[in-house]
PDB file of N, CA and C in Angstrom:
ATOM      1  N   MET A   1     129.685-109.329 107.379  1.00  0.00           N
ATOM      2  CA  MET A   1     128.879-108.520 106.487  1.00  0.00           C
ATOM      3  C   MET A   1     129.695-108.258 105.221  1.00  0.00           C
ATOM      4  N   SER A   2     129.050-108.334 104.123  1.00  0.00           N
ATOM      5  CA  SER A   2     129.786-108.141 102.874  1.00  0.00           C
ATOM      6  C   SER A   2     130.104-106.657 102.645  1.00  0.00           C
ATOM      7  N   HIS A   3     131.058-106.453 101.786  1.00  0.00           N
ATOM      8  CA  HIS A   3     131.525-105.098 101.485  1.00  0.00           C
ATOM      9  C   HIS A   3     130.406-104.253 100.864  1.00  0.00           C
ATOM     10  N   LEU A   4     129.604-104.853 100.017  1.00  0.00           N
ATOM     11  CA  LEU A   4     128.505-104.143  99.359  1.00  0.00           C
ATOM     12  C   LEU A   4     127.440-103.701 100.362  1.00  0.00           C
ATOM     13  N   VAL A   5     127.141-104.542 101.315  1.00  0.00           N
ATOM     14  CA  VAL A   5     126.137-104.204 102.333  1.00  0.00           C
ATOM     15  C   VAL A   5     126.650-103.064 103.205  1.00  0.00           C
ATOM     16  N   GLU A   6     127.922-103.112 103.570  1.00  0.00           N
ATOM     17  CA  GLU A   6     128.495-102.042 104.387  1.00  0.00           C
ATOM     18  C   GLU A   6     128.443-100.704 103.660  1.00  0.00           C
ATOM     19  N   LYS A   7     128.793-100.704 102.386  1.00  0.00           N
ATOM     20  CA  LYS A   7     128.735 -99.459 101.611  1.00  0.00           C
ATOM     21  C   LYS A   7     127.305 -98.961 101.468  1.00  0.00           C
ATOM     22  N   SER A   8     126.380 -99.878 101.249  1.00  0.00           N
ATOM     23  CA  SER A   8     124.971 -99.493 101.109  1.00  0.00           C
ATOM     24  C   SER A   8     124.442 -98.880 102.396  1.00  0.00           C
ATOM     25  N   LEU A   9     124.789 -99.465 103.533  1.00  0.00           N
ATOM     26  CA  LEU A   9     124.363 -98.906 104.816  1.00  0.00           C
ATOM     27  C   LEU A   9     124.992 -97.545 105.074  1.00  0.00           C
ATOM     28  N   ARG A  10     126.237 -97.378 104.689  1.00  0.00           N
ATOM     29  CA  ARG A  10     126.907 -96.084 104.856  1.00  0.00           C
ATOM     30  C   ARG A  10     126.222 -95.017 104.004  1.00  0.00           C
ATOM     31  N   ILE A  11     125.935 -95.350 102.761  1.00  0.00           N
ATOM     32  CA  ILE A  11     125.276 -94.392 101.867  1.00  0.00           C
ATOM     33  C   ILE A  11     123.882 -94.058 102.387  1.00  0.00           C
ATOM     34  N   ALA A  12     123.153 -95.069 102.847  1.00  0.00           N
ATOM     35  CA  ALA A  12     121.802 -94.826 103.381  1.00  0.00           C
ATOM     36  C   ALA A  12     121.854 -93.934 104.619  1.00  0.00           C
ATOM     37  N   SER A  13     122.847 -94.147 105.470  1.00  0.00           N
ATOM     38  CA  SER A  13     122.941 -93.307 106.667  1.00  0.00           C
ATOM     39  C   SER A  13     123.328 -91.874 106.314  1.00  0.00           C
ATOM     40  N   ILE A  14     124.181 -91.693 105.323  1.00  0.00           N
ATOM     41  CA  ILE A  14     124.547 -90.335 104.888  1.00  0.00           C
ATOM     42  C   ILE A  14     123.330 -89.621 104.314  1.00  0.00           C
ATOM     43  N   ILE A  15     122.562 -90.325 103.502  1.00  0.00           N
ATOM     44  CA  ILE A  15     121.354 -89.730 102.912  1.00  0.00           C
ATOM     45  C   ILE A  15     120.345 -89.386 103.997  1.00  0.00           C
ATOM     46  N   GLY A  16     120.140 -90.295 104.940  1.00  0.00           N
ATOM     47  CA  GLY A  16     119.189 -90.039 106.026  1.00  0.00           C
ATOM     48  C   GLY A  16     119.602 -88.872 106.900  1.00  0.00           C
ATOM     49  N   LEU A  17     120.862 -88.811 107.239  1.00  0.00           N
ATOM     50  CA  LEU A  17     121.360 -87.710 108.057  1.00  0.00           C
ATOM     51  C   LEU A  17     121.262 -86.382 107.305  1.00  0.00           C
ATOM     52  N   SER A  18     121.576 -86.402 106.025  1.00  0.00           N
ATOM     53  CA  SER A  18     121.478 -85.183 105.208  1.00  0.00           C
ATOM     54  C   SER A  18     120.036 -84.700 105.129  1.00  0.00           C
ATOM     55  N   TRP A  19     119.120 -85.634 104.954  1.00  0.00           N
ATOM     56  CA  TRP A  19     117.699 -85.276 104.903  1.00  0.00           C
ATOM     57  C   TRP A  19     117.274 -84.626 106.214  1.00  0.00           C
ATOM     58  N   GLY A  20     117.716 -85.195 107.329  1.00  0.00           N
ATOM     59  CA  GLY A  20     117.384 -84.627 108.631  1.00  0.00           C
ATOM     60  C   GLY A  20     117.964 -83.240 108.833  1.00  0.00           C
ATOM     61  N   ILE A  21     119.190 -83.048 108.384  1.00  0.00           N
ATOM     62  CA  ILE A  21     119.830 -81.729 108.515  1.00  0.00           C
ATOM     63  C   ILE A  21     119.099 -80.688 107.676  1.00  0.00           C
ATOM     64  N   VAL A  22     118.741 -81.049 106.444  1.00  0.00           N
ATOM     65  CA  VAL A  22     118.043 -80.097 105.566  1.00  0.00           C
ATOM     66  C   VAL A  22     116.702 -79.696 106.172  1.00  0.00           C
ATOM     67  N   HIS A  23     115.913 -80.661 106.610  1.00  0.00           N
ATOM     68  CA  HIS A  23     114.594 -80.326 107.142  1.00  0.00           C
ATOM     69  C   HIS A  23     114.667 -79.663 108.510  1.00  0.00           C
ATOM     70  N   GLY A  24     115.648 -80.043 109.301  1.00  0.00           N
ATOM     71  CA  GLY A  24     115.837 -79.370 110.590  1.00  0.00           C
ATOM     72  C   GLY A  24     116.258 -77.923 110.416  1.00  0.00           C
ATOM     73  N   SER A  25     117.151 -77.690 109.466  1.00  0.00           N
ATOM     74  CA  SER A  25     117.597 -76.315 109.234  1.00  0.00           C
ATOM     75  C   SER A  25     116.477 -75.463 108.658  1.00  0.00           C
ATOM     76  N   ARG A  26     115.630 -76.047 107.820  1.00  0.00           N
ATOM     77  CA  ARG A  26     114.485 -75.292 107.303  1.00  0.00           C
ATOM     78  C   ARG A  26     113.568 -74.861 108.436  1.00  0.00           C
ATOM     79  N   PHE A  27     113.317 -75.778 109.383  1.00  0.00           N
ATOM     80  CA  PHE A  27     112.463 -75.463 110.525  1.00  0.00           C
ATOM     81  C   PHE A  27     113.084 -74.349 111.368  1.00  0.00           C
ATOM     82  N   ILE A  28     114.377 -74.472 111.650  1.00  0.00           N
ATOM     83  CA  ILE A  28     115.056 -73.479 112.479  1.00  0.00           C
ATOM     84  C   ILE A  28     115.112 -72.122 111.773  1.00  0.00           C
ATOM     85  N   LEU A  29     115.421 -72.126 110.476  1.00  0.00           N
ATOM     86  CA  LEU A  29     115.469 -70.866 109.722  1.00  0.00           C
ATOM     87  C   LEU A  29     114.105 -70.181 109.693  1.00  0.00           C
ATOM     88  N   ARG A  30     113.079 -70.949 109.399  1.00  0.00           N
ATOM     89  CA  ARG A  30     111.726 -70.372 109.334  1.00  0.00           C
ATOM     90  C   ARG A  30     111.334 -69.781 110.682  1.00  0.00           C
ATOM     91  N   ARG A  31     111.622 -70.518 111.736  1.00  0.00           N
ATOM     92  CA  ARG A  31     111.238 -70.058 113.062  1.00  0.00           C
ATOM     93  C   ARG A  31     112.012 -68.810 113.479  1.00  0.00           C
ATOM     94  N   SER A  32     113.319 -68.805 113.242  1.00  0.00           N
ATOM     95  CA  SER A  32     114.114 -67.649 113.669  1.00  0.00           C
ATOM     96  C   SER A  32     113.848 -66.421 112.809  1.00  0.00           C
ATOM     97  N   LEU A  33     113.659 -66.626 111.504  1.00  0.00           N
ATOM     98  CA  LEU A  33     113.401 -65.473 110.643  1.00  0.00           C
ATOM     99  C   LEU A  33     112.027 -64.866 110.914  1.00  0.00           C
ATOM    100  N   THR A  34     111.020 -65.686 111.124  1.00  0.00           N
ATOM    101  CA  THR A  34     109.687 -65.128 111.367  1.00  0.00           C
ATOM    102  C   THR A  34     109.619 -64.452 112.731  1.00  0.00           C
ATOM    103  N   LYS A  35     110.372 -64.973 113.703  1.00  0.00           N
ATOM    104  CA  LYS A  35     110.372 -64.359 115.026  1.00  0.00           C
ATOM    105  C   LYS A  35     111.053 -62.996 115.004  1.00  0.00           C
ATOM    106  N   ARG A  36     112.212 -62.934 114.377  1.00  0.00           N
ATOM    107  CA  ARG A  36     113.000 -61.699 114.392  1.00  0.00           C
ATOM    108  C   ARG A  36     112.520 -60.666 113.391  1.00  0.00           C
ATOM    109  N   LEU A  37     111.967 -61.115 112.291  1.00  0.00           N
ATOM    110  CA  LEU A  37     111.588 -60.181 111.233  1.00  0.00           C
ATOM    111  C   LEU A  37     110.071 -60.062 111.066  1.00  0.00           C
ATOM    112  N   LYS A  38     109.322 -60.467 112.088  1.00  0.00           N
ATOM    113  CA  LYS A  38     107.866 -60.419 111.991  1.00  0.00           C
ATOM    114  C   LYS A  38     107.336 -59.015 111.688  1.00  0.00           C
ATOM    115  N   PRO A  39     107.859 -57.958 112.328  1.00  0.00           N
ATOM    116  CA  PRO A  39     107.351 -56.621 111.996  1.00  0.00           C
ATOM    117  C   PRO A  39     107.641 -56.215 110.549  1.00  0.00           C
ATOM    118  N   PHE A  40     108.639 -56.819 109.962  1.00  0.00           N
ATOM    119  CA  PHE A  40     109.035 -56.467 108.601  1.00  0.00           C
ATOM    120  C   PHE A  40     108.607 -57.530 107.596  1.00  0.00           C
ATOM    121  N   HIS A  41     107.581 -58.291 107.932  1.00  0.00           N
ATOM    122  CA  HIS A  41     107.167 -59.416 107.086  1.00  0.00           C
ATOM    123  C   HIS A  41     106.708 -58.905 105.717  1.00  0.00           C
ATOM    124  N   THR A  42     107.611 -58.995 104.784  1.00  0.00           N
ATOM    125  CA  THR A  42     107.345 -58.545 103.425  1.00  0.00           C
ATOM    126  C   THR A  42     107.853 -59.603 102.464  1.00  0.00           C
ATOM    127  N   ARG A  43     107.817 -59.271 101.211  1.00  0.00           N
ATOM    128  CA  ARG A  43     108.336 -60.187 100.193  1.00  0.00           C
ATOM    129  C   ARG A  43     109.844 -60.339 100.324  1.00  0.00           C
ATOM    130  N   LYS A  44     110.506 -59.311 100.861  1.00  0.00           N
ATOM    131  CA  LYS A  44     111.950 -59.402 101.048  1.00  0.00           C
ATOM    132  C   LYS A  44     112.308 -60.496 102.056  1.00  0.00           C
ATOM    133  N   VAL A  45     111.518 -60.615 103.109  1.00  0.00           N
ATOM    134  CA  VAL A  45     111.760 -61.657 104.103  1.00  0.00           C
ATOM    135  C   VAL A  45     111.544 -63.028 103.482  1.00  0.00           C
ATOM    136  N   GLU A  46     110.508 -63.183 102.694  1.00  0.00           N
ATOM    137  CA  GLU A  46     110.261 -64.455 102.010  1.00  0.00           C
ATOM    138  C   GLU A  46     111.393 -64.787 101.048  1.00  0.00           C
ATOM    139  N   THR A  47     111.917 -63.778 100.359  1.00  0.00           N
ATOM    140  CA  THR A  47     113.043 -63.988  99.455  1.00  0.00           C
ATOM    141  C   THR A  47     114.286 -64.386 100.237  1.00  0.00           C
ATOM    142  N   LEU A  48     114.523 -63.738 101.373  1.00  0.00           N
ATOM    143  CA  LEU A  48     115.654 -64.079 102.219  1.00  0.00           C
ATOM    144  C   LEU A  48     115.551 -65.514 102.721  1.00  0.00           C
ATOM    145  N   PHE A  49     114.364 -65.912 103.145  1.00  0.00           N
ATOM    146  CA  PHE A  49     114.163 -67.285 103.601  1.00  0.00           C
ATOM    147  C   PHE A  49     114.401 -68.270 102.463  1.00  0.00           C
ATOM    148  N   SER A  50     113.871 -67.976 101.310  1.00  0.00           N
ATOM    149  CA  SER A  50     114.040 -68.855 100.164  1.00  0.00           C
ATOM    150  C   SER A  50     115.511 -68.990  99.778  1.00  0.00           C
ATOM    151  N   LEU A  51     116.237 -67.889  99.811  1.00  0.00           N
ATOM    152  CA  LEU A  51     117.659 -67.899  99.474  1.00  0.00           C
ATOM    153  C   LEU A  51     118.454 -68.724 100.476  1.00  0.00           C
ATOM    154  N   THR A  52     118.248 -68.481 101.764  1.00  0.00           N
ATOM    155  CA  THR A  52     118.994 -69.231 102.777  1.00  0.00           C
ATOM    156  C   THR A  52     118.625 -70.712 102.758  1.00  0.00           C
ATOM    157  N   ARG A  53     117.376 -71.022 102.488  1.00  0.00           N
ATOM    158  CA  ARG A  53     116.950 -72.422 102.396  1.00  0.00           C
ATOM    159  C   ARG A  53     117.638 -73.112 101.223  1.00  0.00           C
ATOM    160  N   SER A  54     117.710 -72.442 100.097  1.00  0.00           N
ATOM    161  CA  SER A  54     118.352 -73.030  98.925  1.00  0.00           C
ATOM    162  C   SER A  54     119.854 -73.223  99.139  1.00  0.00           C
ATOM    163  N   VAL A  55     120.508 -72.219  99.699  1.00  0.00           N
ATOM    164  CA  VAL A  55     121.950 -72.316  99.937  1.00  0.00           C
ATOM    165  C   VAL A  55     122.246 -73.458 100.914  1.00  0.00           C
ATOM    166  N   THR A  56     121.473 -73.549 101.971  1.00  0.00           N
ATOM    167  CA  THR A  56     121.661 -74.620 102.945  1.00  0.00           C
ATOM    168  C   THR A  56     121.458 -75.986 102.314  1.00  0.00           C
ATOM    169  N   THR A  57     120.400 -76.120 101.529  1.00  0.00           N
ATOM    170  CA  THR A  57     120.120 -77.395 100.882  1.00  0.00           C
ATOM    171  C   THR A  57     121.243 -77.792  99.939  1.00  0.00           C
ATOM    172  N   TYR A  58     121.708 -76.867  99.126  1.00  0.00           N
ATOM    173  CA  TYR A  58     122.779 -77.181  98.180  1.00  0.00           C
ATOM    174  C   TYR A  58     124.079 -77.529  98.893  1.00  0.00           C
ATOM    175  N   LEU A  59     124.392 -76.838  99.978  1.00  0.00           N
ATOM    176  CA  LEU A  59     125.606 -77.148 100.725  1.00  0.00           C
ATOM    177  C   LEU A  59     125.544 -78.545 101.343  1.00  0.00           C
ATOM    178  N   VAL A  60     124.416 -78.874 101.936  1.00  0.00           N
ATOM    179  CA  VAL A  60     124.272 -80.194 102.553  1.00  0.00           C
ATOM    180  C   VAL A  60     124.337 -81.292 101.494  1.00  0.00           C
ATOM    181  N   VAL A  61     123.673 -81.092 100.366  1.00  0.00           N
ATOM    182  CA  VAL A  61     123.710 -82.092  99.289  1.00  0.00           C
ATOM    183  C   VAL A  61     125.130 -82.228  98.737  1.00  0.00           C
ATOM    184  N   PHE A  62     125.825 -81.124  98.586  1.00  0.00           N
ATOM    185  CA  PHE A  62     127.199 -81.158  98.082  1.00  0.00           C
ATOM    186  C   PHE A  62     128.096 -81.978  99.005  1.00  0.00           C
ATOM    187  N   PHE A  63     128.030 -81.699 100.313  1.00  0.00           N
ATOM    188  CA  PHE A  63     128.880 -82.438 101.245  1.00  0.00           C
ATOM    189  C   PHE A  63     128.452 -83.899 101.368  1.00  0.00           C
ATOM    190  N   ALA A  64     127.160 -84.165 101.241  1.00  0.00           N
ATOM    191  CA  ALA A  64     126.702 -85.558 101.267  1.00  0.00           C
ATOM    192  C   ALA A  64     127.253 -86.316 100.071  1.00  0.00           C
ATOM    193  N   LEU A  65     127.234 -85.688  98.905  1.00  0.00           N
ATOM    194  CA  LEU A  65     127.791 -86.338  97.711  1.00  0.00           C
ATOM    195  C   LEU A  65     129.300 -86.571  97.861  1.00  0.00           C
ATOM    196  N   LEU A  66     130.000 -85.619  98.449  1.00  0.00           N
ATOM    197  CA  LEU A  66     131.435 -85.804  98.689  1.00  0.00           C
ATOM    198  C   LEU A  66     131.682 -86.985  99.627  1.00  0.00           C
ATOM    199  N   LEU A  67     130.885 -87.106 100.674  1.00  0.00           N
ATOM    200  CA  LEU A  67     131.042 -88.224 101.581  1.00  0.00           C
ATOM    201  C   LEU A  67     130.732 -89.557 100.911  1.00  0.00           C
ATOM    202  N   ILE A  68     129.726 -89.561 100.061  1.00  0.00           N
ATOM    203  CA  ILE A  68     129.352 -90.798  99.381  1.00  0.00           C
ATOM    204  C   ILE A  68     130.443 -91.218  98.405  1.00  0.00           C
ATOM    205  N   LEU A  69     131.005 -90.253  97.701  1.00  0.00           N
ATOM    206  CA  LEU A  69     132.056 -90.593  96.743  1.00  0.00           C
ATOM    207  C   LEU A  69     133.344 -90.942  97.448  1.00  0.00           C
TER     208      LEU A  69
END
């Protein structure tokens, strides 16, 4: 296998795994936050979910970029 193909497969696998982690964490966060904070379901809970989702996404993308580079 050529060097270019190996690098391309590595990058594709990093991107795929990162995508799975981001969407899996969104599912887990949404489920755990709505279960635990259901009585307090307000705009604050939605803001908390949005904040944790954004932080998680940025962290995963950051580490994926580090691995790719």
